[in-house]
Amino acid sequence: MWAGAPYADEVRAVLLAHKERGALRLAGPLGAVLCGAVRGLRAGGGPLLLVPVPSARRSVAGRGQDPVRRIALAAAGELRRTGTGTGARVLAVLRQRRAVADQAGLSARQRLANVTGALEVRAGAGRLLTGRAAVLVDDLVTTGATLAEAARAVTAAGGRVAGAAVVAAPSSAFGSDGARIEALPRGK
């Protein structure tokens, strides 16, 4: 998993403005940061399939948009423009199959329990993933529980997860070689 930036003051402010205050023009700069994280993965050859982690239906309805999908679309465009991801495209195939609690304030164990079994690939969309490598994308990672659940859902539908890329991660996740974070957590 790769992150494009540490989740610190400026990045936090931009993510929140985009996500909670509808500053849609910020999708471009956030997409460029996500593009850098996707490049860090060095995911194998072939077209890059970016699979965004979906927002809750209620959140999308309230915001009028899905911020992670919008950022993923900007990242795919940047990958194509720079020649890094010829054929990069977004496959918004994941959906929440049940409601989950807001993750803020939950421990790592509580977050994992909260999201386990919560995602699935939309009916009929599994064929788009079968035998293809997908890069899971999200705006922020804290414990990795949501990305682990997304990986489970994509794998269950026949897809192969090449890795995950996020706009931001806690500052403690950043080493001297950038924002490489250990593998997606396993287990229930």
C-alpha atoms as a PDB file:
ATOM      1  CA  MET A   1       0.000   0.000   0.000  1.00  0.00           C
ATOM      2  CA  TRP A   2       1.241   3.480  -0.821  1.00  0.00           C
ATOM      3  CA  ALA A   3       0.128   6.874   0.428  1.00  0.00           C
ATOM      4  CA  GLY A   4       0.763  10.114  -1.384  1.00  0.00           C
ATOM      5  CA  ALA A   5       1.083  12.410   1.630  1.00  0.00           C
ATOM      6  CA  PRO A   6       1.139  12.430   5.413  1.00  0.00           C
ATOM      7  CA  TYR A   7      -2.219  13.238   6.985  1.00  0.00           C
ATOM      8  CA  ALA A   8      -1.100  16.523   8.503  1.00  0.00           C
ATOM      9  CA  ASP A   9      -2.559  20.019   8.757  1.00  0.00           C
ATOM     10  CA  GLU A  10      -2.651  21.127   5.104  1.00  0.00           C
ATOM     11  CA  VAL A  11      -3.567  17.739   3.656  1.00  0.00           C
ATOM     12  CA  ARG A  12      -6.238  17.256   6.320  1.00  0.00           C
ATOM     13  CA  ALA A  13      -7.703  20.678   5.498  1.00  0.00           C
ATOM     14  CA  VAL A  14      -7.813  19.983   1.754  1.00  0.00           C
ATOM     15  CA  LEU A  15      -9.334  16.511   2.196  1.00  0.00           C
ATOM     16  CA  LEU A  16     -12.005  17.824   4.550  1.00  0.00           C
ATOM     17  CA  ALA A  17     -12.800  20.790   2.293  1.00  0.00           C
ATOM     18  CA  HIS A  18     -13.284  18.434  -0.645  1.00  0.00           C
ATOM     19  CA  LYS A  19     -15.161  15.757   1.265  1.00  0.00           C
ATOM     20  CA  GLU A  20     -17.280  17.697   3.742  1.00  0.00           C
ATOM     21  CA  ARG A  21     -17.600  21.176   2.271  1.00  0.00           C
ATOM     22  CA  GLY A  22     -18.015  20.352  -1.414  1.00  0.00           C
ATOM     23  CA  ALA A  23     -14.836  22.037  -2.693  1.00  0.00           C
ATOM     24  CA  LEU A  24     -14.975  19.923  -5.849  1.00  0.00           C
ATOM     25  CA  ARG A  25     -12.148  21.786  -7.582  1.00  0.00           C
ATOM     26  CA  LEU A  26      -9.785  20.153  -5.071  1.00  0.00           C
ATOM     27  CA  ALA A  27     -10.357  16.747  -6.681  1.00  0.00           C
ATOM     28  CA  GLY A  28      -7.660  17.597  -9.259  1.00  0.00           C
ATOM     29  CA  PRO A  29      -4.835  18.279  -6.785  1.00  0.00           C
ATOM     30  CA  LEU A  30      -5.936  15.360  -4.589  1.00  0.00           C
ATOM     31  CA  GLY A  31      -6.022  13.151  -7.688  1.00  0.00           C
ATOM     32  CA  ALA A  32      -2.453  14.191  -8.506  1.00  0.00           C
ATOM     33  CA  VAL A  33      -1.365  13.127  -5.002  1.00  0.00           C
ATOM     34  CA  LEU A  34      -3.223   9.811  -5.384  1.00  0.00           C
ATOM     35  CA  CYS A  35      -1.570   9.383  -8.797  1.00  0.00           C
ATOM     36  CA  GLY A  36       1.824   9.556  -7.071  1.00  0.00           C
ATOM     37  CA  ALA A  37       0.767   6.833  -4.640  1.00  0.00           C
ATOM     38  CA  VAL A  38      -0.450   4.625  -7.511  1.00  0.00           C
ATOM     39  CA  ARG A  39       2.899   5.106  -9.255  1.00  0.00           C
ATOM     40  CA  GLY A  40       4.640   4.027  -6.051  1.00  0.00           C
ATOM     41  CA  LEU A  41       2.926   0.651  -6.276  1.00  0.00           C
ATOM     42  CA  ARG A  42       4.515  -0.078  -9.632  1.00  0.00           C
ATOM     43  CA  ALA A  43       1.516  -2.315 -10.337  1.00  0.00           C
ATOM     44  CA  GLY A  44       2.216  -4.736 -13.198  1.00  0.00           C
ATOM     45  CA  GLY A  45       1.622  -4.182 -16.887  1.00  0.00           C
ATOM     46  CA  GLY A  46      -1.700  -3.746 -18.569  1.00  0.00           C
ATOM     47  CA  PRO A  47      -4.377  -1.165 -17.975  1.00  0.00           C
ATOM     48  CA  LEU A  48      -4.599   0.151 -14.431  1.00  0.00           C
ATOM     49  CA  LEU A  49      -7.979  -0.481 -12.849  1.00  0.00           C
ATOM     50  CA  LEU A  50      -8.598   1.879  -9.959  1.00  0.00           C
ATOM     51  CA  VAL A  51     -11.354   0.619  -7.660  1.00  0.00           C
ATOM     52  CA  PRO A  52     -12.497   3.314  -5.218  1.00  0.00           C
ATOM     53  CA  VAL A  53     -13.732   2.441  -1.747  1.00  0.00           C
ATOM     54  CA  PRO A  54     -17.357   3.625  -1.772  1.00  0.00           C
ATOM     55  CA  SER A  55     -18.799   6.194   0.570  1.00  0.00           C
ATOM     56  CA  ALA A  56     -21.964   5.317   2.467  1.00  0.00           C
ATOM     57  CA  ARG A  57     -25.113   5.865   0.408  1.00  0.00           C
ATOM     58  CA  ARG A  58     -26.405   8.348   2.959  1.00  0.00           C
ATOM     59  CA  SER A  59     -23.154  10.336   2.745  1.00  0.00           C
ATOM     60  CA  VAL A  60     -23.252  10.402  -1.062  1.00  0.00           C
ATOM     61  CA  ALA A  61     -26.869  11.569  -0.981  1.00  0.00           C
ATOM     62  CA  GLY A  62     -26.043  14.296   1.531  1.00  0.00           C
ATOM     63  CA  ARG A  63     -22.941  15.491  -0.311  1.00  0.00           C
ATOM     64  CA  GLY A  64     -24.342  15.054  -3.801  1.00  0.00           C
ATOM     65  CA  GLN A  65     -21.155  13.239  -4.849  1.00  0.00           C
ATOM     66  CA  ASP A  66     -18.772  10.445  -3.891  1.00  0.00           C
ATOM     67  CA  PRO A  67     -15.484  12.197  -3.044  1.00  0.00           C
ATOM     68  CA  VAL A  68     -13.234   9.129  -3.341  1.00  0.00           C
ATOM     69  CA  ARG A  69     -14.654   8.283  -6.769  1.00  0.00           C
ATOM     70  CA  ARG A  70     -14.096  11.886  -7.889  1.00  0.00           C
ATOM     71  CA  ILE A  71     -10.473  11.793  -6.661  1.00  0.00           C
ATOM     72  CA  ALA A  72      -9.952   8.416  -8.377  1.00  0.00           C
ATOM     73  CA  LEU A  73     -11.250   9.834 -11.674  1.00  0.00           C
ATOM     74  CA  ALA A  74      -8.801  12.739 -11.390  1.00  0.00           C
ATOM     75  CA  ALA A  75      -5.953  10.307 -10.619  1.00  0.00           C
ATOM     76  CA  ALA A  76      -6.813   8.114 -13.619  1.00  0.00           C
ATOM     77  CA  GLY A  77      -6.800  11.189 -15.843  1.00  0.00           C
ATOM     78  CA  GLU A  78      -3.414  12.253 -14.480  1.00  0.00           C
ATOM     79  CA  LEU A  79      -2.004   8.744 -15.008  1.00  0.00           C
ATOM     80  CA  ARG A  80      -3.157   8.784 -18.643  1.00  0.00           C
ATOM     81  CA  ARG A  81      -1.866  12.340 -19.236  1.00  0.00           C
ATOM     82  CA  THR A  82       1.576  11.517 -17.896  1.00  0.00           C
ATOM     83  CA  GLY A  83       1.803   8.216 -19.745  1.00  0.00           C
ATOM     84  CA  THR A  84       2.195   6.272 -16.522  1.00  0.00           C
ATOM     85  CA  GLY A  85      -1.120   4.500 -16.740  1.00  0.00           C
ATOM     86  CA  THR A  86      -2.099   4.156 -20.358  1.00  0.00           C
ATOM     87  CA  GLY A  87      -5.640   2.897 -20.223  1.00  0.00           C
ATOM     88  CA  ALA A  88      -6.028   3.753 -16.526  1.00  0.00           C
ATOM     89  CA  ARG A  89      -9.678   3.766 -15.625  1.00  0.00           C
ATOM     90  CA  VAL A  90     -11.925   3.816 -12.620  1.00  0.00           C
ATOM     91  CA  LEU A  91     -14.210   0.887 -11.920  1.00  0.00           C
ATOM     92  CA  ALA A  92     -16.671   1.928  -9.223  1.00  0.00           C
ATOM     93  CA  VAL A  93     -17.831  -1.645  -8.684  1.00  0.00           C
ATOM     94  CA  LEU A  94     -17.917  -1.787  -4.886  1.00  0.00           C
ATOM     95  CA  ARG A  95     -21.009  -0.969  -2.870  1.00  0.00           C
ATOM     96  CA  GLN A  96     -21.981  -1.131   0.758  1.00  0.00           C
ATOM     97  CA  ARG A  97     -24.242  -4.102   1.361  1.00  0.00           C
ATOM     98  CA  ARG A  98     -25.082  -2.938   4.867  1.00  0.00           C
ATOM     99  CA  ALA A  99     -24.748   0.205   6.912  1.00  0.00           C
ATOM    100  CA  VAL A 100     -21.587   0.777   8.917  1.00  0.00           C
ATOM    101  CA  ALA A 101     -20.980   3.104  11.841  1.00  0.00           C
ATOM    102  CA  ASP A 102     -18.808   6.182  11.421  1.00  0.00           C
ATOM    103  CA  GLN A 103     -15.233   4.943  11.924  1.00  0.00           C
ATOM    104  CA  ALA A 104     -14.044   8.091  13.737  1.00  0.00           C
ATOM    105  CA  GLY A 105     -13.205   7.294  17.330  1.00  0.00           C
ATOM    106  CA  LEU A 106     -13.231   3.507  16.863  1.00  0.00           C
ATOM    107  CA  SER A 107     -10.244   1.353  17.817  1.00  0.00           C
ATOM    108  CA  ALA A 108      -8.533  -0.808  15.197  1.00  0.00           C
ATOM    109  CA  ARG A 109     -10.417  -3.890  16.428  1.00  0.00           C
ATOM    110  CA  GLN A 110     -13.744  -2.010  16.390  1.00  0.00           C
ATOM    111  CA  ARG A 111     -13.080  -0.681  12.884  1.00  0.00           C
ATOM    112  CA  LEU A 112     -12.394  -4.177  11.591  1.00  0.00           C
ATOM    113  CA  ALA A 113     -15.582  -5.539  13.192  1.00  0.00           C
ATOM    114  CA  ASN A 114     -17.530  -2.551  11.854  1.00  0.00           C
ATOM    115  CA  VAL A 115     -16.601  -3.122   8.202  1.00  0.00           C
ATOM    116  CA  THR A 116     -16.181  -6.914   7.995  1.00  0.00           C
ATOM    117  CA  GLY A 117     -18.668  -8.171   5.406  1.00  0.00           C
ATOM    118  CA  ALA A 118     -19.922  -4.659   4.643  1.00  0.00           C
ATOM    119  CA  LEU A 119     -18.761  -4.403   1.011  1.00  0.00           C
ATOM    120  CA  GLU A 120     -19.599  -6.342  -2.104  1.00  0.00           C
ATOM    121  CA  VAL A 121     -19.102  -6.037  -5.834  1.00  0.00           C
ATOM    122  CA  ARG A 122     -22.254  -4.782  -7.568  1.00  0.00           C
ATOM    123  CA  ALA A 123     -24.368  -7.443  -9.239  1.00  0.00           C
ATOM    124  CA  GLY A 124     -23.028  -8.178 -12.718  1.00  0.00           C
ATOM    125  CA  ALA A 125     -19.830  -6.172 -12.197  1.00  0.00           C
ATOM    126  CA  GLY A 126     -17.687  -9.138 -11.184  1.00  0.00           C
ATOM    127  CA  ARG A 127     -17.029  -9.923 -14.844  1.00  0.00           C
ATOM    128  CA  LEU A 128     -15.185  -6.596 -15.143  1.00  0.00           C
ATOM    129  CA  LEU A 129     -12.728  -7.766 -12.479  1.00  0.00           C
ATOM    130  CA  THR A 130     -12.309 -11.443 -13.317  1.00  0.00           C
ATOM    131  CA  GLY A 131      -8.647 -12.205 -13.862  1.00  0.00           C
ATOM    132  CA  ARG A 132      -7.657  -8.541 -13.808  1.00  0.00           C
ATOM    133  CA  ALA A 133      -5.484  -6.663 -11.354  1.00  0.00           C
ATOM    134  CA  ALA A 134      -7.167  -3.894  -9.396  1.00  0.00           C
ATOM    135  CA  VAL A 135      -5.648  -1.094  -7.354  1.00  0.00           C
ATOM    136  CA  LEU A 136      -7.896  -0.183  -4.439  1.00  0.00           C
ATOM    137  CA  VAL A 137      -8.018   3.560  -3.783  1.00  0.00           C
ATOM    138  CA  ASP A 138      -9.227   5.630  -0.846  1.00  0.00           C
ATOM    139  CA  ASP A 139      -8.700   9.115   0.489  1.00  0.00           C
ATOM    140  CA  LEU A 140      -7.277   8.149   3.876  1.00  0.00           C
ATOM    141  CA  VAL A 141      -6.019   5.027   5.626  1.00  0.00           C
ATOM    142  CA  THR A 142      -5.801   4.723   9.380  1.00  0.00           C
ATOM    143  CA  THR A 143      -5.928   1.047  10.361  1.00  0.00           C
ATOM    144  CA  GLY A 144      -6.462  -0.468   6.905  1.00  0.00           C
ATOM    145  CA  ALA A 145      -9.681  -2.232   7.931  1.00  0.00           C
ATOM    146  CA  THR A 146     -11.779  -0.711   5.133  1.00  0.00           C
ATOM    147  CA  LEU A 147      -9.157  -1.488   2.489  1.00  0.00           C
ATOM    148  CA  ALA A 148      -8.898  -5.057   3.795  1.00  0.00           C
ATOM    149  CA  GLU A 149     -12.665  -5.423   3.430  1.00  0.00           C
ATOM    150  CA  ALA A 150     -12.521  -3.958  -0.087  1.00  0.00           C
ATOM    151  CA  ALA A 151      -9.766  -6.451  -0.967  1.00  0.00           C
ATOM    152  CA  ARG A 152     -11.899  -9.303   0.344  1.00  0.00           C
ATOM    153  CA  ALA A 153     -14.892  -8.204  -1.751  1.00  0.00           C
ATOM    154  CA  VAL A 154     -12.855  -7.777  -4.958  1.00  0.00           C
ATOM    155  CA  THR A 155     -11.138 -11.140  -4.481  1.00  0.00           C
ATOM    156  CA  ALA A 156     -14.464 -12.865  -3.765  1.00  0.00           C
ATOM    157  CA  ALA A 157     -15.752 -11.529  -7.099  1.00  0.00           C
ATOM    158  CA  GLY A 158     -12.793 -13.002  -9.004  1.00  0.00           C
ATOM    159  CA  GLY A 159     -10.562  -9.945  -9.152  1.00  0.00           C
ATOM    160  CA  ARG A 160      -6.929  -9.760  -8.140  1.00  0.00           C
ATOM    161  CA  VAL A 161      -5.793  -6.950  -5.867  1.00  0.00           C
ATOM    162  CA  ALA A 162      -2.445  -5.557  -7.043  1.00  0.00           C
ATOM    163  CA  GLY A 163      -2.273  -3.203  -4.077  1.00  0.00           C
ATOM    164  CA  ALA A 164      -3.842  -0.149  -2.531  1.00  0.00           C
ATOM    165  CA  ALA A 165      -3.117   3.551  -2.874  1.00  0.00           C
ATOM    166  CA  VAL A 166      -4.427   6.370  -0.723  1.00  0.00           C
ATOM    167  CA  VAL A 167      -4.117  10.123  -0.730  1.00  0.00           C
ATOM    168  CA  ALA A 168      -2.959  10.234   2.883  1.00  0.00           C
ATOM    169  CA  ALA A 169      -1.847   8.120   5.818  1.00  0.00           C
ATOM    170  CA  PRO A 170      -0.700   8.938   9.347  1.00  0.00           C
ATOM    171  CA  SER A 171       2.695  10.632   9.443  1.00  0.00           C
ATOM    172  CA  SER A 172       4.093   7.642  11.348  1.00  0.00           C
ATOM    173  CA  ALA A 173       3.603   5.482   8.232  1.00  0.00           C
ATOM    174  CA  PHE A 174       6.171   7.457   6.252  1.00  0.00           C
ATOM    175  CA  GLY A 175       9.712   6.144   6.060  1.00  0.00           C
ATOM    176  CA  SER A 176      12.800   7.316   4.245  1.00  0.00           C
ATOM    177  CA  ASP A 177      11.604   5.698   1.001  1.00  0.00           C
ATOM    178  CA  GLY A 178       8.259   7.490   1.003  1.00  0.00           C
ATOM    179  CA  ALA A 179       4.882   6.238   2.052  1.00  0.00           C
ATOM    180  CA  ARG A 180       5.057   2.503   1.644  1.00  0.00           C
ATOM    181  CA  ILE A 181       2.830   0.864   4.202  1.00  0.00           C
ATOM    182  CA  GLU A 182       2.859  -2.817   5.052  1.00  0.00           C
ATOM    183  CA  ALA A 183       0.514  -5.255   3.337  1.00  0.00           C
ATOM    184  CA  LEU A 184      -3.226  -5.128   3.794  1.00  0.00           C
ATOM    185  CA  PRO A 185      -4.265  -6.614   7.129  1.00  0.00           C
ATOM    186  CA  ARG A 186      -5.703 -10.108   7.095  1.00  0.00           C
ATOM    187  CA  GLY A 187      -8.128 -11.778   9.407  1.00  0.00           C
ATOM    188  CA  LYS A 188     -11.542 -11.075  10.741  1.00  0.00           C
END
